[in-house]
Amino acid sequence: MGAFTSITAAVRTRTGRKSGTSAFARLMIIQHGRALLDREMKSAETVGSLRRKECLYYFEALPPEAAENLTDELIGPDDLQVRLGFDEIGSWEPELALVWARSRGKGTIPLALDMGLTGTLSGDERVGVPSIDVRRVAVGAGDTLIRRLLLVVVTYDAPYAGTDDPIWVRVRTAAGVAAHHVVTDTPQTDLEIDTANIYELPVEVPFTKDDLAHSDNGEIRLGIHGSDKWVPKRVLLFGLDDASGAPRSVVSLVRLSDPGPLSADPTEGVPSIVLALDQ
């Protein structure tokens, strides 16, 4: 058993005209009515915003005193409650939220994923509710069959770090290509400087993490179509056990920082990279 060493969330705001906010929301982890964690999603590692159509990436390292009751034994769907809160007078309407933790003993621990959030959050009860549940998920295993992917990326806050070119993800196992998807324009601010993005990617042939780990030909590759350089700061990839709807289990596939610039122009970067599996 080990305490959580960090907590991370990636959230996306709906596209409605009044869906967004310039304020920050709260992330809460509750057990038996007791708040074990209550944090404003604002830290030195926070990137993005809660404005309309935008994504926010929140990461915070947890000091031992803050995480003494948050352990990797409390990871089942029935053990903990994960909630988003908003106590401002305005309102916020999220559509997707993914929350995960890290521990020294068990690595990346997906805690909650809700891809169909509804309703309005507000500190004004006439406008909305102060908090909502984010649906708990189980931690997927090496043999969990993956039928869909969720890609979370953060772009560096540096001149020329963003790109207008499409990026792509390909998953190959010993049996062949399991997924190959090109990320084109979405309602988000795609891959621009100092932004976070969340993309849902289809899987053509279901596969497992073990298929990748135990095969000489297995790999996950991230690439770019074009010479407009992109400099990602963080790349995270999760496997979902459902092709649509609400997944029951989530597998952490990739957790990568500072992979270097991508570009079809060899003077700017490399056209693609192999993403190491999260251990």
Protein backbone atom coordinates (compact mmCIF):
# COMPACT_ATOMS: atom_id res chain seq x y z
CA MET A 1 0.00 0.00 0.00
CA GLY A 2 1.29 3.45 -0.90
CA ALA A 3 0.05 7.02 -0.73
CA PHE A 4 -0.81 8.97 -3.84
CA THR A 5 2.15 11.09 -4.95
CA SER A 6 0.20 13.24 -7.40
CA ILE A 7 -3.26 13.93 -8.73
CA THR A 8 -4.09 14.93 -12.31
CA ALA A 9 -7.26 15.92 -14.14
CA ALA A 10 -8.08 16.75 -17.74
CA VAL A 11 -11.43 18.41 -18.38
CA ARG A 12 -13.18 19.78 -21.45
CA THR A 13 -15.89 22.44 -21.50
CA ARG A 14 -19.00 22.22 -23.65
CA THR A 15 -19.46 24.34 -26.77
CA GLY A 16 -22.56 26.29 -25.74
CA ARG A 17 -22.36 30.09 -25.78
CA LYS A 18 -22.50 30.36 -21.97
CA SER A 19 -20.74 27.10 -21.11
CA GLY A 20 -17.33 28.47 -20.18
CA THR A 21 -15.74 30.48 -17.40
CA SER A 22 -12.50 32.30 -16.71
CA ALA A 23 -12.55 31.04 -13.11
CA PHE A 24 -11.19 27.72 -11.78
CA ALA A 25 -13.11 24.67 -10.61
CA ARG A 26 -12.34 22.38 -7.68
CA LEU A 27 -11.42 18.71 -7.62
CA MET A 28 -12.67 16.72 -4.65
CA ILE A 29 -12.09 13.13 -3.52
CA ILE A 30 -14.53 11.97 -0.87
CA GLN A 31 -14.81 8.81 1.19
CA HIS A 32 -17.83 8.14 3.40
CA GLY A 33 -18.79 11.81 3.31
CA ARG A 34 -15.32 13.00 4.31
CA ALA A 35 -13.27 15.08 1.87
CA LEU A 36 -9.83 13.47 1.59
CA LEU A 37 -8.81 15.99 -1.05
CA ASP A 38 -10.28 19.36 -2.03
CA ARG A 39 -8.10 21.34 -4.43
CA GLU A 40 -8.65 24.28 -6.73
CA MET A 41 -7.48 23.09 -10.14
CA LYS A 42 -4.85 25.77 -10.32
CA SER A 43 -1.16 24.96 -9.89
CA ALA A 44 2.17 25.76 -11.49
CA GLU A 45 1.51 22.85 -13.89
CA THR A 46 -2.02 23.87 -14.88
CA VAL A 47 -2.37 24.51 -18.62
CA GLY A 48 -5.44 25.65 -20.57
CA SER A 49 -8.73 27.02 -19.32
CA LEU A 50 -12.38 26.27 -18.61
CA ARG A 51 -13.57 28.63 -21.32
CA ARG A 52 -16.08 27.49 -23.92
CA LYS A 53 -14.78 24.60 -26.08
CA GLU A 54 -11.44 24.63 -24.25
CA CYS A 55 -9.58 22.01 -22.20
CA LEU A 56 -7.72 22.30 -18.93
CA TYR A 57 -4.90 20.06 -17.72
CA TYR A 58 -4.27 20.11 -13.98
CA PHE A 59 -1.40 18.38 -12.21
CA GLU A 60 -0.32 18.70 -8.61
CA ALA A 61 2.28 16.80 -6.65
CA LEU A 62 0.88 15.83 -3.26
CA PRO A 63 2.97 16.31 -0.13
CA PRO A 64 2.83 13.36 2.29
CA GLU A 65 0.61 15.21 4.77
CA ALA A 66 -1.98 15.91 2.06
CA ALA A 67 -2.13 12.32 0.84
CA GLU A 68 -1.82 10.29 4.03
CA ASN A 69 -5.41 9.02 3.66
CA LEU A 70 -5.26 8.67 -0.13
CA THR A 71 -3.70 5.31 -0.85
CA ASP A 72 -3.55 3.01 -3.83
CA GLU A 73 -5.69 0.51 -1.94
CA LEU A 74 -8.66 2.86 -2.36
CA ILE A 75 -8.95 2.54 -6.11
CA GLY A 76 -12.05 0.41 -6.67
CA PRO A 77 -15.14 2.09 -8.18
CA ASP A 78 -16.98 1.80 -4.84
CA ASP A 79 -14.19 3.04 -2.57
CA LEU A 80 -14.08 6.73 -3.37
CA GLN A 81 -16.23 9.48 -4.80
CA VAL A 82 -14.67 11.93 -7.27
CA ARG A 83 -16.41 15.28 -7.76
CA LEU A 84 -15.95 18.55 -9.62
CA GLY A 85 -16.98 21.67 -7.74
CA PHE A 86 -17.55 25.29 -8.69
CA ASP A 87 -18.27 27.91 -6.02
CA GLU A 88 -18.16 31.06 -8.16
CA ILE A 89 -21.22 33.24 -8.86
CA GLY A 90 -20.92 32.51 -12.59
CA SER A 91 -21.38 29.09 -14.15
CA TRP A 92 -19.46 26.31 -15.87
CA GLU A 93 -20.67 23.42 -18.04
CA PRO A 94 -18.12 20.61 -18.43
CA GLU A 95 -18.66 17.79 -20.93
CA LEU A 96 -15.73 15.48 -20.18
CA ALA A 97 -13.53 14.83 -17.16
CA LEU A 98 -10.72 12.34 -16.62
CA VAL A 99 -9.01 12.05 -13.22
CA TRP A 100 -6.03 9.90 -12.34
CA ALA A 101 -3.43 9.57 -9.60
CA ARG A 102 0.09 8.21 -9.23
CA SER A 103 1.54 6.09 -6.46
CA ARG A 104 4.99 4.62 -6.07
CA GLY A 105 3.58 1.14 -5.69
CA LYS A 106 1.06 0.99 -8.52
CA GLY A 107 2.06 3.72 -10.94
CA THR A 108 -0.74 5.44 -12.84
CA ILE A 109 -4.19 4.87 -11.33
CA PRO A 110 -7.20 5.99 -13.40
CA LEU A 111 -9.84 7.05 -10.88
CA ALA A 112 -12.74 8.53 -12.80
CA LEU A 113 -13.84 9.20 -16.37
CA ASP A 114 -17.09 10.75 -17.51
CA MET A 115 -17.47 11.52 -21.22
CA GLY A 116 -21.05 12.68 -21.03
CA LEU A 117 -21.29 15.21 -18.20
CA THR A 118 -24.48 17.27 -18.19
CA GLY A 119 -25.89 20.08 -16.10
CA THR A 120 -24.54 23.40 -14.92
CA LEU A 121 -22.14 24.08 -12.06
CA SER A 122 -22.49 27.31 -10.11
CA GLY A 123 -22.11 28.79 -6.66
CA ASP A 124 -25.49 30.40 -7.28
CA GLU A 125 -28.19 27.80 -6.59
CA ARG A 126 -30.55 29.65 -8.92
CA VAL A 127 -28.18 28.91 -11.81
CA GLY A 128 -26.81 25.44 -11.10
CA VAL A 129 -25.44 22.97 -8.57
CA PRO A 130 -22.19 23.44 -6.59
CA SER A 131 -20.69 20.05 -7.51
CA ILE A 132 -21.21 16.94 -9.63
CA ASP A 133 -19.94 13.36 -9.59
CA VAL A 134 -17.39 12.16 -12.09
CA ARG A 135 -18.12 8.52 -12.87
CA ARG A 136 -15.68 6.13 -11.21
CA VAL A 137 -13.83 3.56 -13.30
CA ALA A 138 -11.80 0.48 -12.54
CA VAL A 139 -8.08 0.29 -13.22
CA GLY A 140 -7.62 -1.74 -16.39
CA ALA A 141 -5.18 -4.66 -16.42
CA GLY A 142 -2.65 -5.84 -18.99
CA ASP A 143 -5.24 -8.18 -20.50
CA THR A 144 -8.11 -5.64 -20.59
CA LEU A 145 -9.41 -5.46 -24.14
CA ILE A 146 -9.07 -1.88 -25.43
CA ARG A 147 -11.77 -0.72 -27.85
CA ARG A 148 -11.22 3.06 -27.83
CA LEU A 149 -8.42 5.53 -27.00
CA LEU A 150 -8.32 8.85 -25.19
CA LEU A 151 -5.39 11.11 -26.02
CA VAL A 152 -4.42 14.01 -23.73
CA VAL A 153 -1.73 16.41 -24.95
CA VAL A 154 -0.22 19.63 -23.62
CA THR A 155 1.68 22.01 -25.91
CA TYR A 156 4.66 24.02 -24.70
CA ASP A 157 4.36 27.69 -23.84
CA ALA A 158 7.14 28.81 -26.18
CA PRO A 159 7.40 30.66 -29.49
CA TYR A 160 6.47 28.45 -32.48
CA ALA A 161 5.59 25.47 -30.25
CA GLY A 162 2.08 25.17 -31.65
CA THR A 163 1.08 23.78 -35.04
CA ASP A 164 -1.72 23.98 -37.60
CA ASP A 165 -0.77 20.60 -39.08
CA PRO A 166 -2.62 17.40 -38.16
CA ILE A 167 -1.05 14.86 -35.83
CA TRP A 168 -1.67 11.13 -35.88
CA VAL A 169 -1.53 8.10 -33.58
CA ARG A 170 -0.91 4.53 -34.73
CA VAL A 171 -1.05 1.39 -32.62
CA ARG A 172 0.54 -1.74 -34.04
CA THR A 173 0.55 -5.23 -32.51
CA ALA A 174 2.02 -8.49 -33.79
CA ALA A 175 -1.26 -9.02 -35.65
CA GLY A 176 -0.98 -5.69 -37.52
CA VAL A 177 -2.36 -2.16 -37.18
CA ALA A 178 -4.96 -1.97 -34.39
CA ALA A 179 -5.60 1.79 -34.61
CA HIS A 180 -4.54 4.61 -36.89
CA HIS A 181 -6.20 7.99 -36.50
CA VAL A 182 -5.39 11.45 -37.81
CA VAL A 183 -6.42 14.28 -35.50
CA THR A 184 -7.85 17.07 -37.63
CA ASP A 185 -9.62 20.30 -36.64
CA THR A 186 -12.03 20.07 -33.68
CA PRO A 187 -14.03 22.74 -31.80
CA GLN A 188 -11.08 23.01 -29.37
CA THR A 189 -8.12 25.32 -29.82
CA ASP A 190 -6.08 22.54 -31.36
CA LEU A 191 -2.38 22.18 -30.55
CA GLU A 192 -1.70 25.86 -30.05
CA ILE A 193 0.91 27.36 -27.71
CA ASP A 194 0.21 26.72 -23.99
CA THR A 195 -2.97 24.71 -24.54
CA ALA A 196 -4.29 21.33 -23.46
CA ASN A 197 -6.34 19.06 -25.71
CA ILE A 198 -8.37 15.88 -25.28
CA TYR A 199 -9.13 13.65 -28.27
CA GLU A 200 -11.21 10.50 -28.53
CA LEU A 201 -9.67 8.05 -31.02
CA PRO A 202 -11.31 4.94 -32.51
CA VAL A 203 -9.78 1.48 -32.47
CA GLU A 204 -10.19 -0.73 -35.53
CA VAL A 205 -8.99 -3.99 -33.97
CA PRO A 206 -9.33 -4.36 -30.17
CA PHE A 207 -6.02 -5.05 -28.42
CA THR A 208 -4.49 -5.26 -24.95
CA LYS A 209 -1.52 -3.59 -23.29
CA ASP A 210 0.06 -7.03 -23.04
CA ASP A 211 -0.18 -7.32 -26.84
CA LEU A 212 2.16 -4.33 -27.03
CA ALA A 213 4.43 -5.22 -24.12
CA HIS A 214 5.05 -8.82 -25.18
CA SER A 215 5.54 -8.34 -28.90
CA ASP A 216 8.70 -7.34 -30.75
CA ASN A 217 6.49 -5.64 -33.36
CA GLY A 218 4.16 -3.90 -30.94
CA GLU A 219 4.37 -0.11 -30.70
CA ILE A 220 2.45 3.11 -30.28
CA ARG A 221 3.66 5.86 -32.59
CA LEU A 222 2.84 9.57 -32.60
CA GLY A 223 3.51 11.60 -35.71
CA ILE A 224 2.71 14.76 -37.64
CA HIS A 225 1.63 15.42 -41.23
CA GLY A 226 3.42 18.57 -42.32
CA SER A 227 6.41 20.78 -41.62
CA ASP A 228 4.71 23.18 -39.17
CA LYS A 229 6.62 22.11 -36.04
CA TRP A 230 4.75 20.99 -32.93
CA VAL A 231 6.43 20.82 -29.51
CA PRO A 232 4.40 18.74 -27.04
CA LYS A 233 5.11 19.07 -23.35
CA ARG A 234 3.05 16.09 -22.19
CA VAL A 235 1.53 13.15 -24.06
CA LEU A 236 -0.83 10.76 -22.28
CA LEU A 237 -2.79 7.93 -23.87
CA PHE A 238 -5.47 5.85 -22.18
CA GLY A 239 -7.26 2.73 -23.39
CA LEU A 240 -11.01 2.33 -22.77
CA ASP A 241 -12.81 -1.00 -22.64
CA ASP A 242 -15.88 0.26 -24.53
CA ALA A 243 -16.10 1.42 -28.14
CA SER A 244 -18.81 3.92 -27.17
CA GLY A 245 -20.75 4.98 -24.12
CA ALA A 246 -19.41 4.81 -20.57
CA PRO A 247 -16.26 2.69 -20.14
CA ARG A 248 -15.98 0.49 -17.07
CA SER A 249 -12.17 0.18 -17.08
CA VAL A 250 -9.35 2.49 -18.15
CA VAL A 251 -5.80 1.40 -18.99
CA SER A 252 -2.89 3.83 -18.81
CA LEU A 253 -0.86 3.22 -21.98
CA VAL A 254 1.47 6.22 -22.30
CA ARG A 255 2.73 8.87 -19.85
CA LEU A 256 5.42 10.92 -21.52
CA SER A 257 6.98 14.32 -20.86
CA ASP A 258 9.14 16.39 -23.22
CA PRO A 259 9.28 14.00 -26.19
CA GLY A 260 10.85 16.66 -28.41
CA PRO A 261 9.61 18.54 -31.50
CA LEU A 262 7.68 16.84 -34.29
CA SER A 263 7.95 18.02 -37.90
CA ALA A 264 8.28 16.58 -41.39
CA ASP A 265 11.09 19.09 -41.83
CA PRO A 266 14.26 17.34 -40.57
CA THR A 267 15.76 20.68 -39.57
CA GLU A 268 12.81 21.28 -37.21
CA GLY A 269 12.19 17.87 -35.63
CA VAL A 270 11.32 14.26 -36.43
CA PRO A 271 8.18 13.13 -38.30
CA SER A 272 7.18 10.55 -35.70
CA ILE A 273 8.26 8.96 -32.41
CA VAL A 274 7.57 5.69 -30.65
CA LEU A 275 5.78 6.24 -27.34
CA ALA A 276 7.07 4.09 -24.50
CA LEU A 277 4.47 2.20 -22.51
CA ASP A 278 3.59 3.53 -19.08
CA GLN A 279 4.94 1.12 -16.49
